[in-house]
C-alpha atoms as a PDB file:
ATOM      1  CA  MET A   1     143.993 109.753 138.409  1.00  0.00           C
ATOM      2  CA  MET A   2     143.360 113.547 138.366  1.00  0.00           C
ATOM      3  CA  THR A   3     146.585 115.555 138.214  1.00  0.00           C
ATOM      4  CA  ARG A   4     147.443 118.350 140.687  1.00  0.00           C
ATOM      5  CA  SER A   5     147.169 121.018 137.970  1.00  0.00           C
ATOM      6  CA  MET A   6     143.770 119.702 136.879  1.00  0.00           C
ATOM      7  CA  SER A   7     142.447 119.848 140.448  1.00  0.00           C
ATOM      8  CA  LYS A   8     142.941 123.648 140.454  1.00  0.00           C
ATOM      9  CA  LEU A   9     140.663 124.117 137.441  1.00  0.00           C
ATOM     10  CA  PRO A  10     137.009 125.134 137.816  1.00  0.00           C
ATOM     11  CA  LEU A  11     134.747 122.095 138.165  1.00  0.00           C
ATOM     12  CA  TRP A  12     133.075 122.591 134.773  1.00  0.00           C
ATOM     13  CA  LEU A  13     136.436 122.931 133.022  1.00  0.00           C
ATOM     14  CA  THR A  14     137.773 119.845 134.796  1.00  0.00           C
ATOM     15  CA  PHE A  15     134.752 117.881 133.593  1.00  0.00           C
ATOM     16  CA  ILE A  16     135.304 119.019 129.996  1.00  0.00           C
ATOM     17  CA  SER A  17     138.976 118.038 130.217  1.00  0.00           C
ATOM     18  CA  LEU A  18     138.065 114.545 131.413  1.00  0.00           C
ATOM     19  CA  ILE A  19     135.579 114.142 128.561  1.00  0.00           C
ATOM     20  CA  ALA A  20     138.265 115.210 126.082  1.00  0.00           C
ATOM     21  CA  LEU A  21     140.641 112.579 127.469  1.00  0.00           C
ATOM     22  CA  LEU A  22     137.984 109.886 127.147  1.00  0.00           C
ATOM     23  CA  VAL A  23     137.169 110.858 123.566  1.00  0.00           C
ATOM     24  CA  SER A  24     140.858 110.879 122.693  1.00  0.00           C
ATOM     25  CA  SER A  25     141.420 107.402 124.128  1.00  0.00           C
ATOM     26  CA  CYS A  26     138.327 105.968 122.431  1.00  0.00           C
ATOM     27  CA  SER A  27     139.372 107.366 119.049  1.00  0.00           C
ATOM     28  CA  ARG A  28     142.775 105.693 119.068  1.00  0.00           C
ATOM     29  CA  PRO A  29     143.128 103.023 116.403  1.00  0.00           C
ATOM     30  CA  GLN A  30     142.948  99.349 117.318  1.00  0.00           C
ATOM     31  CA  SER A  31     146.542  98.368 118.115  1.00  0.00           C
ATOM     32  CA  ASP A  32     146.205  94.688 119.046  1.00  0.00           C
ATOM     33  CA  PRO A  33     146.336  91.796 116.582  1.00  0.00           C
ATOM     34  CA  ILE A  34     143.071  90.209 115.468  1.00  0.00           C
ATOM     35  CA  ALA A  35     143.305  86.412 115.668  1.00  0.00           C
ATOM     36  CA  ILE A  36     140.898  84.327 113.573  1.00  0.00           C
ATOM     37  CA  LEU A  37     141.263  80.543 113.445  1.00  0.00           C
ATOM     38  CA  GLU A  38     139.279  78.569 110.855  1.00  0.00           C
ATOM     39  CA  SER A  39     139.160  74.875 109.923  1.00  0.00           C
ATOM     40  CA  ASP A  40     137.577  73.086 106.984  1.00  0.00           C
ATOM     41  CA  VAL A  41     136.043  70.484 109.338  1.00  0.00           C
ATOM     42  CA  VAL A  42     135.071  70.604 113.005  1.00  0.00           C
ATOM     43  CA  THR A  43     133.538  67.163 113.392  1.00  0.00           C
ATOM     44  CA  GLY A  44     133.949  63.632 112.108  1.00  0.00           C
ATOM     45  CA  GLU A  45     135.154  60.152 112.888  1.00  0.00           C
ATOM     46  CA  ALA A  46     138.732  59.351 113.854  1.00  0.00           C
ATOM     47  CA  PRO A  47     141.181  59.712 112.245  1.00  0.00           C
ATOM     48  CA  LEU A  48     140.010  63.238 111.423  1.00  0.00           C
ATOM     49  CA  ASP A  49     142.238  65.395 109.231  1.00  0.00           C
ATOM     50  CA  ALA A  50     141.667  69.099 109.848  1.00  0.00           C
ATOM     51  CA  ARG A  51     143.060  71.931 107.737  1.00  0.00           C
ATOM     52  CA  PHE A  52     143.590  75.047 109.830  1.00  0.00           C
ATOM     53  CA  ASN A  53     143.509  78.363 107.979  1.00  0.00           C
ATOM     54  CA  LEU A  54     145.337  81.259 109.647  1.00  0.00           C
ATOM     55  CA  SER A  55     145.003  83.741 106.785  1.00  0.00           C
ATOM     56  CA  PHE A  56     141.966  85.575 108.205  1.00  0.00           C
ATOM     57  CA  SER A  57     144.136  86.928 111.040  1.00  0.00           C
ATOM     58  CA  ILE A  58     145.309  90.510 110.573  1.00  0.00           C
ATOM     59  CA  HIS A  59     147.001  93.389 112.343  1.00  0.00           C
ATOM     60  CA  PRO A  60     145.179  96.747 112.060  1.00  0.00           C
ATOM     61  CA  LEU A  61     148.514  98.598 112.032  1.00  0.00           C
ATOM     62  CA  GLY A  62     150.266  96.171 109.690  1.00  0.00           C
ATOM     63  CA  ARG A  63     152.804  95.071 112.287  1.00  0.00           C
ATOM     64  CA  ASP A  64     154.789  91.848 111.978  1.00  0.00           C
ATOM     65  CA  MET A  65     153.407  88.988 114.060  1.00  0.00           C
ATOM     66  CA  THR A  66     154.429  85.542 115.225  1.00  0.00           C
ATOM     67  CA  PHE A  67     151.950  82.743 115.814  1.00  0.00           C
ATOM     68  CA  GLU A  68     151.618  79.617 117.898  1.00  0.00           C
ATOM     69  CA  LEU A  69     148.964  77.057 116.962  1.00  0.00           C
ATOM     70  CA  ASP A  70     148.169  74.562 119.726  1.00  0.00           C
ATOM     71  CA  PHE A  71     146.083  71.671 118.385  1.00  0.00           C
ATOM     72  CA  GLY A  72     144.608  70.945 121.818  1.00  0.00           C
ATOM     73  CA  ASP A  73     145.471  67.250 121.891  1.00  0.00           C
ATOM     74  CA  GLY A  74     148.807  67.346 123.663  1.00  0.00           C
ATOM     75  CA  SER A  75     150.862  67.358 120.472  1.00  0.00           C
ATOM     76  CA  THR A  76     153.660  69.860 119.885  1.00  0.00           C
ATOM     77  CA  PRO A  77     152.355  73.321 118.912  1.00  0.00           C
ATOM     78  CA  VAL A  78     153.435  74.857 115.615  1.00  0.00           C
ATOM     79  CA  ASN A  79     155.184  78.232 115.632  1.00  0.00           C
ATOM     80  CA  GLY A  80     155.895  80.581 112.761  1.00  0.00           C
ATOM     81  CA  ILE A  81     155.643  84.020 111.195  1.00  0.00           C
ATOM     82  CA  GLU A  82     153.789  83.285 107.924  1.00  0.00           C
ATOM     83  CA  LEU A  83     150.012  83.521 108.435  1.00  0.00           C
ATOM     84  CA  ASP A  84     148.898  82.995 104.850  1.00  0.00           C
ATOM     85  CA  ILE A  85     149.093  79.208 105.181  1.00  0.00           C
ATOM     86  CA  ILE A  86     147.050  76.059 105.733  1.00  0.00           C
ATOM     87  CA  LEU A  87     148.243  73.731 108.503  1.00  0.00           C
ATOM     88  CA  HIS A  88     147.120  70.096 108.548  1.00  0.00           C
ATOM     89  CA  HIS A  89     146.629  68.075 111.712  1.00  0.00           C
ATOM     90  CA  THR A  90     145.158  64.614 112.261  1.00  0.00           C
ATOM     91  CA  TYR A  91     143.172  63.774 115.390  1.00  0.00           C
ATOM     92  CA  THR A  92     143.613  60.043 115.909  1.00  0.00           C
ATOM     93  CA  ALA A  93     141.436  59.484 118.988  1.00  0.00           C
ATOM     94  CA  GLU A  94     137.824  60.295 119.810  1.00  0.00           C
ATOM     95  CA  GLY A  95     137.293  63.314 122.008  1.00  0.00           C
ATOM     96  CA  VAL A  96     136.497  67.013 122.121  1.00  0.00           C
ATOM     97  CA  TYR A  97     139.490  69.230 121.398  1.00  0.00           C
ATOM     98  CA  GLU A  98     139.997  72.988 121.545  1.00  0.00           C
ATOM     99  CA  PRO A  99     142.765  74.087 119.180  1.00  0.00           C
ATOM    100  CA  SER A 100     143.889  77.652 119.846  1.00  0.00           C
ATOM    101  CA  LEU A 101     145.802  80.310 117.944  1.00  0.00           C
ATOM    102  CA  LEU A 102     148.028  82.840 119.719  1.00  0.00           C
ATOM    103  CA  LEU A 103     149.316  85.920 117.884  1.00  0.00           C
ATOM    104  CA  VAL A 104     151.993  88.255 119.253  1.00  0.00           C
ATOM    105  CA  ASP A 105     153.106  91.411 117.435  1.00  0.00           C
ATOM    106  CA  ASN A 106     156.528  93.075 117.565  1.00  0.00           C
ATOM    107  CA  ALA A 107     155.284  95.430 120.291  1.00  0.00           C
ATOM    108  CA  GLY A 108     154.286  92.559 122.565  1.00  0.00           C
ATOM    109  CA  ASN A 109     150.521  92.864 122.024  1.00  0.00           C
ATOM    110  CA  SER A 110     148.691  89.551 121.719  1.00  0.00           C
ATOM    111  CA  ALA A 111     145.367  88.011 120.710  1.00  0.00           C
ATOM    112  CA  THR A 112     143.884  84.513 120.737  1.00  0.00           C
ATOM    113  CA  ASP A 113     141.127  82.563 119.020  1.00  0.00           C
ATOM    114  CA  SER A 114     139.992  78.955 119.326  1.00  0.00           C
ATOM    115  CA  LEU A 115     137.701  76.297 117.851  1.00  0.00           C
ATOM    116  CA  ILE A 116     135.958  73.193 119.134  1.00  0.00           C
ATOM    117  CA  ILE A 117     136.798  69.985 117.243  1.00  0.00           C
ATOM    118  CA  THR A 118     134.571  66.974 117.981  1.00  0.00           C
ATOM    119  CA  VAL A 119     135.954  63.590 116.971  1.00  0.00           C
ATOM    120  CA  ASP A 120     133.452  60.742 117.268  1.00  0.00           C
ATOM    121  CA  SER A 121     130.877  58.856 115.237  1.00  0.00           C
ATOM    122  CA  LEU A 122     127.971  61.000 116.463  1.00  0.00           C
ATOM    123  CA  GLY A 123     129.280  64.506 115.866  1.00  0.00           C
ATOM    124  CA  PRO A 124     128.315  67.676 117.745  1.00  0.00           C
ATOM    125  CA  ALA A 125     124.998  68.223 119.487  1.00  0.00           C
ATOM    126  CA  ILE A 126     122.186  70.003 117.662  1.00  0.00           C
ATOM    127  CA  GLY A 127     122.029  73.696 118.494  1.00  0.00           C
ATOM    128  CA  LEU A 128     122.075  77.257 117.203  1.00  0.00           C
ATOM    129  CA  GLU A 129     125.612  78.233 118.145  1.00  0.00           C
ATOM    130  CA  ILE A 130     128.733  78.088 116.025  1.00  0.00           C
ATOM    131  CA  GLY A 131     130.097  74.546 116.216  1.00  0.00           C
ATOM    132  CA  SER A 132     126.654  72.975 116.727  1.00  0.00           C
ATOM    133  CA  ALA A 133     124.841  70.780 114.234  1.00  0.00           C
ATOM    134  CA  ALA A 134     122.197  72.876 112.455  1.00  0.00           C
ATOM    135  CA  PRO A 135     118.637  71.771 113.323  1.00  0.00           C
ATOM    136  CA  ASP A 136     117.114  69.792 110.474  1.00  0.00           C
ATOM    137  CA  PHE A 137     113.691  70.766 109.127  1.00  0.00           C
ATOM    138  CA  GLU A 138     111.235  70.051 106.360  1.00  0.00           C
ATOM    139  CA  GLY A 139     109.838  72.939 104.352  1.00  0.00           C
ATOM    140  CA  SER A 140     107.548  73.609 101.416  1.00  0.00           C
ATOM    141  CA  LEU A 141     109.239  74.894  98.266  1.00  0.00           C
ATOM    142  CA  THR A 142     107.724  77.890  96.504  1.00  0.00           C
ATOM    143  CA  THR A 143     108.388  76.003  93.269  1.00  0.00           C
ATOM    144  CA  GLY A 144     106.358  73.020  94.506  1.00  0.00           C
ATOM    145  CA  GLY A 145     107.200  69.976  96.582  1.00  0.00           C
ATOM    146  CA  THR A 146     109.146  69.806  99.819  1.00  0.00           C
ATOM    147  CA  MET A 147     112.746  69.737 100.989  1.00  0.00           C
ATOM    148  CA  ARG A 148     114.780  68.890 104.065  1.00  0.00           C
ATOM    149  CA  LEU A 149     117.877  70.753 105.132  1.00  0.00           C
ATOM    150  CA  SER A 150     119.658  67.407 105.475  1.00  0.00           C
ATOM    151  CA  ASP A 151     119.079  66.840 101.738  1.00  0.00           C
ATOM    152  CA  TYR A 152     122.004  69.210 101.210  1.00  0.00           C
ATOM    153  CA  ARG A 153     124.476  67.409 103.463  1.00  0.00           C
ATOM    154  CA  GLY A 154     127.707  67.343 101.491  1.00  0.00           C
ATOM    155  CA  SER A 155     127.139  70.894 100.231  1.00  0.00           C
ATOM    156  CA  VAL A 156     128.040  74.182 101.866  1.00  0.00           C
ATOM    157  CA  VAL A 157     124.728  75.847 102.749  1.00  0.00           C
ATOM    158  CA  ILE A 158     123.849  79.487 103.263  1.00  0.00           C
ATOM    159  CA  LEU A 159     120.600  79.389 105.276  1.00  0.00           C
ATOM    160  CA  ASP A 160     118.979  82.812 105.114  1.00  0.00           C
ATOM    161  CA  PHE A 161     115.876  83.980 107.007  1.00  0.00           C
ATOM    162  CA  TRP A 162     114.324  86.874 105.138  1.00  0.00           C
ATOM    163  CA  GLY A 163     111.088  88.507 103.954  1.00  0.00           C
ATOM    164  CA  SER A 164     110.077  90.669 101.014  1.00  0.00           C
ATOM    165  CA  TRP A 165     108.604  93.104 103.573  1.00  0.00           C
ATOM    166  CA  CYS A 166     112.113  93.676 104.976  1.00  0.00           C
ATOM    167  CA  THR A 167     114.208  96.363 103.239  1.00  0.00           C
ATOM    168  CA  PRO A 168     117.599  95.045 104.472  1.00  0.00           C
ATOM    169  CA  CYS A 169     116.566  91.564 103.288  1.00  0.00           C
ATOM    170  CA  ARG A 170     115.685  92.850  99.832  1.00  0.00           C
ATOM    171  CA  ASN A 171     118.982  94.721  99.660  1.00  0.00           C
ATOM    172  CA  SER A 172     120.945  91.600 100.607  1.00  0.00           C
ATOM    173  CA  MET A 173     119.497  89.350  97.910  1.00  0.00           C
ATOM    174  CA  PRO A 174     121.633  90.519  94.937  1.00  0.00           C
ATOM    175  CA  GLU A 175     124.852  89.771  96.840  1.00  0.00           C
ATOM    176  CA  LEU A 176     123.543  86.355  97.887  1.00  0.00           C
ATOM    177  CA  ASP A 177     122.636  85.662  94.270  1.00  0.00           C
ATOM    178  CA  ARG A 178     126.138  86.704  93.180  1.00  0.00           C
ATOM    179  CA  LEU A 179     127.756  84.298  95.651  1.00  0.00           C
ATOM    180  CA  VAL A 180     125.578  81.401  94.510  1.00  0.00           C
ATOM    181  CA  THR A 181     126.341  82.167  90.863  1.00  0.00           C
ATOM    182  CA  LYS A 182     130.075  82.199  91.555  1.00  0.00           C
ATOM    183  CA  TYR A 183     130.307  79.146  93.826  1.00  0.00           C
ATOM    184  CA  GLU A 184     127.402  76.882  92.900  1.00  0.00           C
ATOM    185  CA  SER A 185     129.698  74.657  90.828  1.00  0.00           C
ATOM    186  CA  GLN A 186     131.878  74.165  93.915  1.00  0.00           C
ATOM    187  CA  GLY A 187     128.980  72.990  96.060  1.00  0.00           C
ATOM    188  CA  LEU A 188     127.364  76.148  97.455  1.00  0.00           C
ATOM    189  CA  VAL A 189     123.586  76.130  98.019  1.00  0.00           C
ATOM    190  CA  ALA A 190     121.432  79.004  99.303  1.00  0.00           C
ATOM    191  CA  VAL A 191     118.299  78.003 101.232  1.00  0.00           C
ATOM    192  CA  VAL A 192     116.140  81.085 101.793  1.00  0.00           C
ATOM    193  CA  VAL A 193     113.306  80.794 104.319  1.00  0.00           C
ATOM    194  CA  SER A 194     110.646  83.450 103.808  1.00  0.00           C
ATOM    195  CA  THR A 195     108.770  85.106 106.654  1.00  0.00           C
ATOM    196  CA  ASP A 196     106.166  86.670 104.359  1.00  0.00           C
ATOM    197  CA  VAL A 197     102.559  86.215 105.446  1.00  0.00           C
ATOM    198  CA  SER A 198     101.630  85.504 101.821  1.00  0.00           C
ATOM    199  CA  GLU A 199     103.546  82.978  99.723  1.00  0.00           C
ATOM    200  CA  LEU A 200     102.613  85.021  96.645  1.00  0.00           C
ATOM    201  CA  ASP A 201     104.618  87.976  97.990  1.00  0.00           C
ATOM    202  CA  THR A 202     107.705  85.759  98.173  1.00  0.00           C
ATOM    203  CA  ILE A 203     107.241  84.307  94.700  1.00  0.00           C
ATOM    204  CA  SER A 204     106.514  87.709  93.148  1.00  0.00           C
ATOM    205  CA  PHE A 205     109.651  89.305  94.613  1.00  0.00           C
ATOM    206  CA  LEU A 206     111.954  86.474  93.566  1.00  0.00           C
ATOM    207  CA  MET A 207     110.557  86.302  90.041  1.00  0.00           C
ATOM    208  CA  ALA A 208     110.556  90.082  89.542  1.00  0.00           C
ATOM    209  CA  ASN A 209     114.246  90.213  90.443  1.00  0.00           C
ATOM    210  CA  GLY A 210     115.347  87.106  88.552  1.00  0.00           C
ATOM    211  CA  LEU A 211     116.344  85.293  91.750  1.00  0.00           C
ATOM    212  CA  THR A 212     115.824  81.743  90.549  1.00  0.00           C
ATOM    213  CA  GLN A 213     118.911  79.969  91.930  1.00  0.00           C
ATOM    214  CA  PHE A 214     117.769  79.816  95.542  1.00  0.00           C
ATOM    215  CA  VAL A 215     116.114  76.914  97.327  1.00  0.00           C
ATOM    216  CA  SER A 216     113.093  79.007  98.302  1.00  0.00           C
ATOM    217  CA  VAL A 217     111.042  77.836 101.292  1.00  0.00           C
ATOM    218  CA  TRP A 218     107.764  79.210 102.621  1.00  0.00           C
ATOM    219  CA  GLU A 219     105.600  78.007 105.503  1.00  0.00           C
ATOM    220  CA  PRO A 220     102.435  79.628 106.924  1.00  0.00           C
ATOM    221  CA  GLY A 221     102.847  81.841 109.961  1.00  0.00           C
ATOM    222  CA  GLY A 222     104.938  84.772 108.776  1.00  0.00           C
ATOM    223  CA  LYS A 223     107.661  85.516 111.327  1.00  0.00           C
ATOM    224  CA  LEU A 224     106.197  82.779 113.536  1.00  0.00           C
ATOM    225  CA  ASN A 225     106.438  80.016 110.952  1.00  0.00           C
ATOM    226  CA  PRO A 226     107.668  76.664 112.349  1.00  0.00           C
ATOM    227  CA  ILE A 227     111.151  76.893 110.813  1.00  0.00           C
ATOM    228  CA  ASP A 228     111.685  80.375 112.199  1.00  0.00           C
ATOM    229  CA  LEU A 229     110.605  79.166 115.649  1.00  0.00           C
ATOM    230  CA  LEU A 230     112.880  76.113 115.391  1.00  0.00           C
ATOM    231  CA  TYR A 231     115.784  78.513 114.927  1.00  0.00           C
ATOM    232  CA  GLY A 232     114.923  80.455 118.060  1.00  0.00           C
ATOM    233  CA  ASP A 233     112.318  82.928 116.813  1.00  0.00           C
ATOM    234  CA  VAL A 234     114.809  84.630 114.498  1.00  0.00           C
ATOM    235  CA  SER A 235     115.423  88.363 114.880  1.00  0.00           C
ATOM    236  CA  PRO A 236     116.566  90.687 113.392  1.00  0.00           C
ATOM    237  CA  TYR A 237     116.234  90.039 109.678  1.00  0.00           C
ATOM    238  CA  PRO A 238     118.052  88.961 107.702  1.00  0.00           C
ATOM    239  CA  THR A 239     119.801  86.360 109.846  1.00  0.00           C
ATOM    240  CA  THR A 240     122.084  84.046 107.909  1.00  0.00           C
ATOM    241  CA  TYR A 241     123.763  80.780 108.915  1.00  0.00           C
ATOM    242  CA  LEU A 242     126.791  79.379 107.112  1.00  0.00           C
ATOM    243  CA  ILE A 243     126.684  75.577 107.362  1.00  0.00           C
ATOM    244  CA  ASP A 244     129.530  73.293 106.304  1.00  0.00           C
ATOM    245  CA  ARG A 245     129.381  70.031 104.362  1.00  0.00           C
ATOM    246  CA  GLN A 246     128.925  68.056 107.588  1.00  0.00           C
ATOM    247  CA  GLY A 247     125.881  70.111 108.606  1.00  0.00           C
ATOM    248  CA  VAL A 248     127.707  72.127 111.276  1.00  0.00           C
ATOM    249  CA  ILE A 249     127.088  75.858 111.799  1.00  0.00           C
ATOM    250  CA  ARG A 250     130.378  77.606 111.082  1.00  0.00           C
ATOM    251  CA  TYR A 251     129.361  81.261 111.051  1.00  0.00           C
ATOM    252  CA  ILE A 252     126.332  83.480 111.732  1.00  0.00           C
ATOM    253  CA  SER A 253     125.696  86.840 110.079  1.00  0.00           C
ATOM    254  CA  ILE A 254     123.031  89.123 111.532  1.00  0.00           C
ATOM    255  CA  GLY A 255     121.625  92.047 109.579  1.00  0.00           C
ATOM    256  CA  TYR A 256     122.715  93.767 106.388  1.00  0.00           C
ATOM    257  CA  PRO A 257     125.245  93.897 104.873  1.00  0.00           C
ATOM    258  CA  SER A 258     126.121  90.251 105.362  1.00  0.00           C
ATOM    259  CA  THR A 259     129.511  89.438 106.847  1.00  0.00           C
ATOM    260  CA  ILE A 260     129.710  86.110 104.999  1.00  0.00           C
ATOM    261  CA  THR A 261     132.645  86.860 102.726  1.00  0.00           C
ATOM    262  CA  GLU A 262     134.118  85.007  99.780  1.00  0.00           C
ATOM    263  CA  ALA A 263     137.117  84.111 101.938  1.00  0.00           C
ATOM    264  CA  ARG A 264     134.889  82.415 104.527  1.00  0.00           C
ATOM    265  CA  LEU A 265     133.103  80.469 101.808  1.00  0.00           C
ATOM    266  CA  GLU A 266     136.271  79.405 100.046  1.00  0.00           C
ATOM    267  CA  ASN A 267     137.630  78.006 103.300  1.00  0.00           C
ATOM    268  CA  LEU A 268     134.712  75.531 103.362  1.00  0.00           C
ATOM    269  CA  LEU A 269     134.260  74.769  99.664  1.00  0.00           C
END
């Protein structure tokens, strides 16, 4: 609401004062907690043991926080103050559950996050959203032969849509290579789907940069190749899916730099 003293100012000066107030309010630091709930599994047959990781949750101002984790199945929620922990819970009956995390800081500010846990013999529906089963596909390897995404069930998969024509994609490759080098022995696989018009462009870039650890896939069609279209006509590039050992999409990173961190990987490995 405009104050009485402000109403006496010239119109142009009043406008400037309002803009200054808006800028000041927008520049204030984030004061609410940031709740992030992760689980090592989100689908499977009953009984399903899930490990909930609360350690990604933070407070921008470093304030103390309390948490309440509701498992979504009618059981007693867990409360505490230590976020750097793993909490186990077993879902004994088939169903779709929505566990939720509530954080409250010592100033009374709060934040929530939730997951979808599917307990049955079929698992989640195929889709492109987090919590969906990643669409399976067959692709031609640039090293010869073919592959299917489902061949890597049981591994944690980074599925990256890229092209050697794309500067952000080229810039992202060294970091992807570093992650594969570090975590390959723990079950990490990187499947990189090229959108180059020419397969030779893909092969030349990978070889010139010593990027030999990837499962490199190329299909005719450039950005309209069948795998790209299966994943919703991907844009922008790079777009990267993090897929767990059960074939479920757990995280999506769009653009460069990638937001798939070591912490996110280690939660699934």
